[in-house]
């Protein structure tokens, strides 16, 4: 049996026809804030925690994988026990905050043990011991690419022209692919980021063209 720090958090499983935990879903905006706050508390890069959480579940708590990986961070029970030992209390993976805490402290330990970020990401999926002894499996390589792509899409400036344009009587609306940028470099008097339970949208005056220099959408 591998030491806890060497095992995967997620049991190398994909969310294929996931089951449901039977818990109340938490709005994604609330989950995002929870991940950021928890990552900062435990000294983990919030961007990385957000990207891993999105890859694992799309920031959804009410998900149970075929390998019994739970919730937002898709943590298996054995890794949840290890995370509980690290924080000094029992974590209930069915609860959003505890689930996020488990995933974040696992990422913290992997970040300390791995030689680089990609190895830490791979370790979250495959297990660091397996990564070191066997190298990355093909699906692990794809997992690492996916997480890095999410990081790039989420935090690099997003050109408005890359988003889908929808005509409106008073404005143009750009609908950007998730994970969504949430803040604009423009002043609030000329551009508005509107979030709801659906896809957040970026609304600009009709006088602004998608190709207008300087008009970008940025994350905080």
C-alpha atoms as a PDB file:
ATOM      1  CA  UNK A   1       0.000   0.000   0.000  1.00  0.00           C
ATOM      2  CA  UNK A   2       1.392   3.355  -0.968  1.00  0.00           C
ATOM      3  CA  UNK A   3       1.748   6.098   1.647  1.00  0.00           C
ATOM      4  CA  UNK A   4      -1.221   8.447   1.584  1.00  0.00           C
ATOM      5  CA  UNK A   5       0.765  11.247  -0.044  1.00  0.00           C
ATOM      6  CA  UNK A   6       1.666   8.938  -2.900  1.00  0.00           C
ATOM      7  CA  UNK A   7      -1.893   7.872  -3.735  1.00  0.00           C
ATOM      8  CA  UNK A   8      -4.194   9.686  -6.143  1.00  0.00           C
ATOM      9  CA  UNK A   9      -6.909  11.935  -4.775  1.00  0.00           C
ATOM     10  CA  UNK A  10      -9.284  10.912  -7.532  1.00  0.00           C
ATOM     11  CA  UNK A  11      -8.552   7.235  -8.195  1.00  0.00           C
ATOM     12  CA  UNK A  12      -7.738   8.031 -11.838  1.00  0.00           C
ATOM     13  CA  UNK A  13     -11.376   8.058 -12.806  1.00  0.00           C
ATOM     14  CA  UNK A  14     -13.302  10.092 -15.326  1.00  0.00           C
ATOM     15  CA  UNK A  15     -16.805  11.400 -14.691  1.00  0.00           C
ATOM     16  CA  UNK A  16     -18.514   8.940 -16.998  1.00  0.00           C
ATOM     17  CA  UNK A  17     -22.249   8.781 -16.257  1.00  0.00           C
ATOM     18  CA  UNK A  18     -21.638  10.097 -12.722  1.00  0.00           C
ATOM     19  CA  UNK A  19     -23.971   9.272  -9.900  1.00  0.00           C
ATOM     20  CA  UNK A  20     -25.396  11.890  -7.596  1.00  0.00           C
ATOM     21  CA  UNK A  21     -24.557  12.408  -3.945  1.00  0.00           C
ATOM     22  CA  UNK A  22     -28.090  13.500  -3.161  1.00  0.00           C
ATOM     23  CA  UNK A  23     -26.980  16.817  -1.668  1.00  0.00           C
ATOM     24  CA  UNK A  24     -28.105  20.319  -2.499  1.00  0.00           C
ATOM     25  CA  UNK A  25     -26.016  21.836  -5.293  1.00  0.00           C
ATOM     26  CA  UNK A  26     -24.067  25.001  -4.518  1.00  0.00           C
ATOM     27  CA  UNK A  27     -24.034  27.878  -7.034  1.00  0.00           C
ATOM     28  CA  UNK A  28     -20.808  27.920  -9.023  1.00  0.00           C
ATOM     29  CA  UNK A  29     -20.023  31.502  -8.026  1.00  0.00           C
ATOM     30  CA  UNK A  30     -20.152  30.431  -4.385  1.00  0.00           C
ATOM     31  CA  UNK A  31     -17.983  27.385  -5.073  1.00  0.00           C
ATOM     32  CA  UNK A  32     -15.425  29.553  -6.853  1.00  0.00           C
ATOM     33  CA  UNK A  33     -15.212  31.939  -3.897  1.00  0.00           C
ATOM     34  CA  UNK A  34     -14.915  28.962  -1.538  1.00  0.00           C
ATOM     35  CA  UNK A  35     -12.046  27.446  -3.521  1.00  0.00           C
ATOM     36  CA  UNK A  36     -10.181  30.766  -3.676  1.00  0.00           C
ATOM     37  CA  UNK A  37     -10.552  31.439   0.056  1.00  0.00           C
ATOM     38  CA  UNK A  38      -9.568  27.894   1.028  1.00  0.00           C
ATOM     39  CA  UNK A  39      -6.557  27.855  -1.267  1.00  0.00           C
ATOM     40  CA  UNK A  40      -5.294  31.141   0.149  1.00  0.00           C
ATOM     41  CA  UNK A  41      -5.784  29.870   3.703  1.00  0.00           C
ATOM     42  CA  UNK A  42      -3.651  26.802   3.035  1.00  0.00           C
ATOM     43  CA  UNK A  43      -0.991  28.449   0.891  1.00  0.00           C
ATOM     44  CA  UNK A  44      -2.074  26.938  -2.428  1.00  0.00           C
ATOM     45  CA  UNK A  45      -2.225  28.843  -5.703  1.00  0.00           C
ATOM     46  CA  UNK A  46      -5.951  29.652  -6.076  1.00  0.00           C
ATOM     47  CA  UNK A  47      -5.656  29.449  -9.858  1.00  0.00           C
ATOM     48  CA  UNK A  48      -4.432  25.873  -9.659  1.00  0.00           C
ATOM     49  CA  UNK A  49      -7.123  24.834  -7.181  1.00  0.00           C
ATOM     50  CA  UNK A  50      -9.809  26.396  -9.366  1.00  0.00           C
ATOM     51  CA  UNK A  51      -8.513  24.660 -12.482  1.00  0.00           C
ATOM     52  CA  UNK A  52      -8.324  21.254 -10.819  1.00  0.00           C
ATOM     53  CA  UNK A  53     -11.807  21.696  -9.364  1.00  0.00           C
ATOM     54  CA  UNK A  54     -13.201  22.631 -12.762  1.00  0.00           C
ATOM     55  CA  UNK A  55     -11.517  19.676 -14.443  1.00  0.00           C
ATOM     56  CA  UNK A  56     -12.761  17.273 -11.799  1.00  0.00           C
ATOM     57  CA  UNK A  57     -16.400  18.293 -11.525  1.00  0.00           C
ATOM     58  CA  UNK A  58     -17.110  21.607 -13.218  1.00  0.00           C
ATOM     59  CA  UNK A  59     -17.347  23.017  -9.654  1.00  0.00           C
ATOM     60  CA  UNK A  60     -20.285  20.758  -8.826  1.00  0.00           C
ATOM     61  CA  UNK A  61     -20.705  19.149  -5.405  1.00  0.00           C
ATOM     62  CA  UNK A  62     -23.549  16.756  -6.185  1.00  0.00           C
ATOM     63  CA  UNK A  63     -21.335  14.323  -8.126  1.00  0.00           C
ATOM     64  CA  UNK A  64     -20.140  10.850  -7.215  1.00  0.00           C
ATOM     65  CA  UNK A  65     -17.875   9.040  -9.680  1.00  0.00           C
ATOM     66  CA  UNK A  66     -17.865   5.330 -10.484  1.00  0.00           C
ATOM     67  CA  UNK A  67     -14.786   5.022  -8.241  1.00  0.00           C
ATOM     68  CA  UNK A  68     -16.537   6.747  -5.310  1.00  0.00           C
ATOM     69  CA  UNK A  69     -14.755  10.072  -5.770  1.00  0.00           C
ATOM     70  CA  UNK A  70     -16.834  12.746  -4.083  1.00  0.00           C
ATOM     71  CA  UNK A  71     -17.916  16.223  -4.964  1.00  0.00           C
ATOM     72  CA  UNK A  72     -16.210  19.354  -6.219  1.00  0.00           C
ATOM     73  CA  UNK A  73     -12.635  18.112  -5.925  1.00  0.00           C
ATOM     74  CA  UNK A  74     -13.533  14.436  -6.603  1.00  0.00           C
ATOM     75  CA  UNK A  75     -11.756  13.080  -3.534  1.00  0.00           C
ATOM     76  CA  UNK A  76     -11.926   9.352  -2.733  1.00  0.00           C
ATOM     77  CA  UNK A  77     -12.629   8.344   0.899  1.00  0.00           C
ATOM     78  CA  UNK A  78      -9.093   7.107   1.668  1.00  0.00           C
ATOM     79  CA  UNK A  79      -7.614  10.400   0.491  1.00  0.00           C
ATOM     80  CA  UNK A  80     -10.291  12.197   2.490  1.00  0.00           C
ATOM     81  CA  UNK A  81      -9.042  10.408   5.611  1.00  0.00           C
ATOM     82  CA  UNK A  82      -5.486  11.484   4.826  1.00  0.00           C
ATOM     83  CA  UNK A  83      -6.636  15.084   4.331  1.00  0.00           C
ATOM     84  CA  UNK A  84      -8.542  14.887   7.631  1.00  0.00           C
ATOM     85  CA  UNK A  85      -5.332  13.894   9.406  1.00  0.00           C
ATOM     86  CA  UNK A  86      -3.530  16.861   7.844  1.00  0.00           C
ATOM     87  CA  UNK A  87      -6.093  19.418   9.017  1.00  0.00           C
ATOM     88  CA  UNK A  88      -6.675  17.795  12.394  1.00  0.00           C
ATOM     89  CA  UNK A  89     -10.406  17.125  12.089  1.00  0.00           C
ATOM     90  CA  UNK A  90     -12.744  14.780  10.277  1.00  0.00           C
ATOM     91  CA  UNK A  91     -13.688  16.075   6.840  1.00  0.00           C
ATOM     92  CA  UNK A  92     -17.082  15.131   5.452  1.00  0.00           C
ATOM     93  CA  UNK A  93     -16.610  14.876   1.685  1.00  0.00           C
ATOM     94  CA  UNK A  94     -20.360  15.311   1.203  1.00  0.00           C
ATOM     95  CA  UNK A  95     -20.075  18.873   2.510  1.00  0.00           C
ATOM     96  CA  UNK A  96     -18.793  21.432  -0.042  1.00  0.00           C
ATOM     97  CA  UNK A  97     -16.379  23.240   2.272  1.00  0.00           C
ATOM     98  CA  UNK A  98     -14.877  20.031   3.621  1.00  0.00           C
ATOM     99  CA  UNK A  99     -14.597  18.620   0.110  1.00  0.00           C
ATOM    100  CA  UNK A 100     -12.756  21.710  -1.108  1.00  0.00           C
ATOM    101  CA  UNK A 101     -10.521  21.667   1.968  1.00  0.00           C
ATOM    102  CA  UNK A 102      -9.579  18.041   1.301  1.00  0.00           C
ATOM    103  CA  UNK A 103      -8.683  18.728  -2.324  1.00  0.00           C
ATOM    104  CA  UNK A 104      -6.727  21.853  -1.476  1.00  0.00           C
ATOM    105  CA  UNK A 105      -4.582  20.317   1.283  1.00  0.00           C
ATOM    106  CA  UNK A 106      -3.843  17.360  -0.998  1.00  0.00           C
ATOM    107  CA  UNK A 107      -2.711  19.816  -3.684  1.00  0.00           C
ATOM    108  CA  UNK A 108      -0.580  21.592  -1.075  1.00  0.00           C
ATOM    109  CA  UNK A 109       1.240  18.401  -0.147  1.00  0.00           C
ATOM    110  CA  UNK A 110       1.667  17.323  -3.750  1.00  0.00           C
ATOM    111  CA  UNK A 111       3.054  20.756  -4.571  1.00  0.00           C
ATOM    112  CA  UNK A 112       5.661  20.362  -1.847  1.00  0.00           C
ATOM    113  CA  UNK A 113       6.677  16.852  -2.901  1.00  0.00           C
ATOM    114  CA  UNK A 114       6.550  17.158  -6.694  1.00  0.00           C
ATOM    115  CA  UNK A 115       9.406  18.510  -8.773  1.00  0.00           C
ATOM    116  CA  UNK A 116       7.137  20.878 -10.719  1.00  0.00           C
ATOM    117  CA  UNK A 117       3.503  21.896 -11.157  1.00  0.00           C
ATOM    118  CA  UNK A 118       2.776  19.399 -13.911  1.00  0.00           C
ATOM    119  CA  UNK A 119       3.969  16.545 -11.728  1.00  0.00           C
ATOM    120  CA  UNK A 120       1.770  17.773  -8.885  1.00  0.00           C
ATOM    121  CA  UNK A 121      -1.240  17.889 -11.219  1.00  0.00           C
ATOM    122  CA  UNK A 122      -0.442  14.399 -12.478  1.00  0.00           C
ATOM    123  CA  UNK A 123      -0.088  13.199  -8.898  1.00  0.00           C
ATOM    124  CA  UNK A 124      -3.549  14.455  -8.032  1.00  0.00           C
ATOM    125  CA  UNK A 125      -4.969  12.256 -10.769  1.00  0.00           C
ATOM    126  CA  UNK A 126      -2.677   9.230 -10.910  1.00  0.00           C
ATOM    127  CA  UNK A 127      -0.898   9.294  -7.576  1.00  0.00           C
ATOM    128  CA  UNK A 128       2.568  10.719  -7.112  1.00  0.00           C
ATOM    129  CA  UNK A 129       4.116   7.353  -6.317  1.00  0.00           C
ATOM    130  CA  UNK A 130       2.773   5.893  -9.547  1.00  0.00           C
ATOM    131  CA  UNK A 131       3.901   8.939 -11.530  1.00  0.00           C
ATOM    132  CA  UNK A 132       7.428   8.553 -10.174  1.00  0.00           C
ATOM    133  CA  UNK A 133       7.693   4.810 -10.682  1.00  0.00           C
ATOM    134  CA  UNK A 134       5.731   4.323 -13.910  1.00  0.00           C
ATOM    135  CA  UNK A 135       5.641   7.691 -15.590  1.00  0.00           C
ATOM    136  CA  UNK A 136       2.455   9.355 -16.808  1.00  0.00           C
ATOM    137  CA  UNK A 137      -0.296   7.200 -18.271  1.00  0.00           C
ATOM    138  CA  UNK A 138      -1.868   8.435 -21.484  1.00  0.00           C
ATOM    139  CA  UNK A 139      -5.003   9.574 -19.674  1.00  0.00           C
ATOM    140  CA  UNK A 140      -2.853  11.335 -17.076  1.00  0.00           C
ATOM    141  CA  UNK A 141      -1.055  13.243 -19.816  1.00  0.00           C
ATOM    142  CA  UNK A 142      -4.436  14.353 -21.150  1.00  0.00           C
ATOM    143  CA  UNK A 143      -5.524  15.325 -17.629  1.00  0.00           C
ATOM    144  CA  UNK A 144      -2.454  17.524 -17.173  1.00  0.00           C
ATOM    145  CA  UNK A 145      -3.014  19.135 -20.575  1.00  0.00           C
ATOM    146  CA  UNK A 146      -6.649  19.790 -19.714  1.00  0.00           C
ATOM    147  CA  UNK A 147      -5.851  21.410 -16.368  1.00  0.00           C
ATOM    148  CA  UNK A 148      -3.182  23.601 -17.953  1.00  0.00           C
ATOM    149  CA  UNK A 149      -5.590  24.598 -20.718  1.00  0.00           C
ATOM    150  CA  UNK A 150      -8.150  25.597 -18.096  1.00  0.00           C
ATOM    151  CA  UNK A 151      -5.498  27.645 -16.301  1.00  0.00           C
ATOM    152  CA  UNK A 152      -4.631  29.457 -19.515  1.00  0.00           C
ATOM    153  CA  UNK A 153      -8.245  30.047 -20.509  1.00  0.00           C
ATOM    154  CA  UNK A 154      -9.312  31.156 -17.060  1.00  0.00           C
ATOM    155  CA  UNK A 155      -6.533  33.577 -16.222  1.00  0.00           C
ATOM    156  CA  UNK A 156      -4.963  34.837 -19.407  1.00  0.00           C
ATOM    157  CA  UNK A 157      -6.605  37.920 -20.955  1.00  0.00           C
ATOM    158  CA  UNK A 158      -9.530  36.810 -23.084  1.00  0.00           C
ATOM    159  CA  UNK A 159     -10.092  38.786 -26.254  1.00  0.00           C
ATOM    160  CA  UNK A 160     -13.702  39.797 -26.599  1.00  0.00           C
ATOM    161  CA  UNK A 161     -13.498  38.724 -30.228  1.00  0.00           C
ATOM    162  CA  UNK A 162     -12.932  35.128 -29.065  1.00  0.00           C
ATOM    163  CA  UNK A 163     -16.363  35.015 -27.504  1.00  0.00           C
ATOM    164  CA  UNK A 164     -19.665  34.370 -29.193  1.00  0.00           C
ATOM    165  CA  UNK A 165     -21.453  37.549 -30.283  1.00  0.00           C
ATOM    166  CA  UNK A 166     -25.191  37.884 -29.713  1.00  0.00           C
ATOM    167  CA  UNK A 167     -27.088  40.916 -31.007  1.00  0.00           C
ATOM    168  CA  UNK A 168     -29.171  42.929 -28.594  1.00  0.00           C
ATOM    169  CA  UNK A 169     -31.256  46.050 -29.082  1.00  0.00           C
ATOM    170  CA  UNK A 170     -28.961  48.146 -26.913  1.00  0.00           C
ATOM    171  CA  UNK A 171     -25.716  46.268 -26.694  1.00  0.00           C
ATOM    172  CA  UNK A 172     -23.616  43.485 -28.059  1.00  0.00           C
ATOM    173  CA  UNK A 173     -23.324  40.496 -25.748  1.00  0.00           C
ATOM    174  CA  UNK A 174     -20.278  38.265 -25.769  1.00  0.00           C
ATOM    175  CA  UNK A 175     -20.798  34.869 -24.208  1.00  0.00           C
ATOM    176  CA  UNK A 176     -17.436  33.432 -23.206  1.00  0.00           C
ATOM    177  CA  UNK A 177     -16.681  29.739 -22.732  1.00  0.00           C
ATOM    178  CA  UNK A 178     -16.290  28.470 -19.162  1.00  0.00           C
ATOM    179  CA  UNK A 179     -14.481  28.808 -16.846  1.00  0.00           C
ATOM    180  CA  UNK A 180     -15.654  32.349 -17.293  1.00  0.00           C
ATOM    181  CA  UNK A 181     -13.674  35.585 -17.073  1.00  0.00           C
ATOM    182  CA  UNK A 182     -15.440  37.812 -14.580  1.00  0.00           C
ATOM    183  CA  UNK A 183     -13.840  41.239 -14.727  1.00  0.00           C
ATOM    184  CA  UNK A 184     -13.176  43.759 -17.453  1.00  0.00           C
ATOM    185  CA  UNK A 185     -10.258  46.073 -18.024  1.00  0.00           C
ATOM    186  CA  UNK A 186     -12.775  48.715 -19.086  1.00  0.00           C
ATOM    187  CA  UNK A 187     -14.608  51.001 -16.706  1.00  0.00           C
ATOM    188  CA  UNK A 188     -17.964  49.902 -15.348  1.00  0.00           C
ATOM    189  CA  UNK A 189     -19.629  52.827 -17.110  1.00  0.00           C
ATOM    190  CA  UNK A 190     -18.898  51.343 -20.527  1.00  0.00           C
ATOM    191  CA  UNK A 191     -18.734  47.591 -19.992  1.00  0.00           C
ATOM    192  CA  UNK A 192     -20.666  45.343 -17.647  1.00  0.00           C
ATOM    193  CA  UNK A 193     -19.984  41.792 -16.529  1.00  0.00           C
ATOM    194  CA  UNK A 194     -23.320  40.204 -15.704  1.00  0.00           C
ATOM    195  CA  UNK A 195     -23.404  36.839 -13.937  1.00  0.00           C
ATOM    196  CA  UNK A 196     -26.423  34.694 -13.251  1.00  0.00           C
ATOM    197  CA  UNK A 197     -27.276  31.049 -12.763  1.00  0.00           C
ATOM    198  CA  UNK A 198     -26.648  30.623 -16.477  1.00  0.00           C
ATOM    199  CA  UNK A 199     -23.616  31.575 -18.533  1.00  0.00           C
ATOM    200  CA  UNK A 200     -22.139  34.920 -17.456  1.00  0.00           C
ATOM    201  CA  UNK A 201     -22.225  37.463 -20.233  1.00  0.00           C
ATOM    202  CA  UNK A 202     -20.186  40.471 -21.175  1.00  0.00           C
ATOM    203  CA  UNK A 203     -22.232  43.424 -22.375  1.00  0.00           C
ATOM    204  CA  UNK A 204     -20.718  46.359 -24.261  1.00  0.00           C
ATOM    205  CA  UNK A 205     -22.256  49.403 -25.926  1.00  0.00           C
ATOM    206  CA  UNK A 206     -23.041  48.832 -29.605  1.00  0.00           C
ATOM    207  CA  UNK A 207     -20.444  51.444 -30.497  1.00  0.00           C
ATOM    208  CA  UNK A 208     -17.714  49.072 -29.297  1.00  0.00           C
ATOM    209  CA  UNK A 209     -16.465  46.554 -31.829  1.00  0.00           C
ATOM    210  CA  UNK A 210     -14.958  43.180 -30.841  1.00  0.00           C
ATOM    211  CA  UNK A 211     -11.811  44.308 -32.618  1.00  0.00           C
ATOM    212  CA  UNK A 212     -11.552  47.594 -30.737  1.00  0.00           C
ATOM    213  CA  UNK A 213      -7.965  47.782 -29.382  1.00  0.00           C
ATOM    214  CA  UNK A 214      -7.651  47.371 -25.639  1.00  0.00           C
ATOM    215  CA  UNK A 215     -11.022  45.791 -25.060  1.00  0.00           C
ATOM    216  CA  UNK A 216     -10.275  42.591 -23.215  1.00  0.00           C
ATOM    217  CA  UNK A 217     -11.916  40.586 -20.470  1.00  0.00           C
ATOM    218  CA  UNK A 218      -9.721  39.685 -17.543  1.00  0.00           C
ATOM    219  CA  UNK A 219     -10.007  37.552 -14.438  1.00  0.00           C
ATOM    220  CA  UNK A 220      -9.252  39.158 -11.062  1.00  0.00           C
END
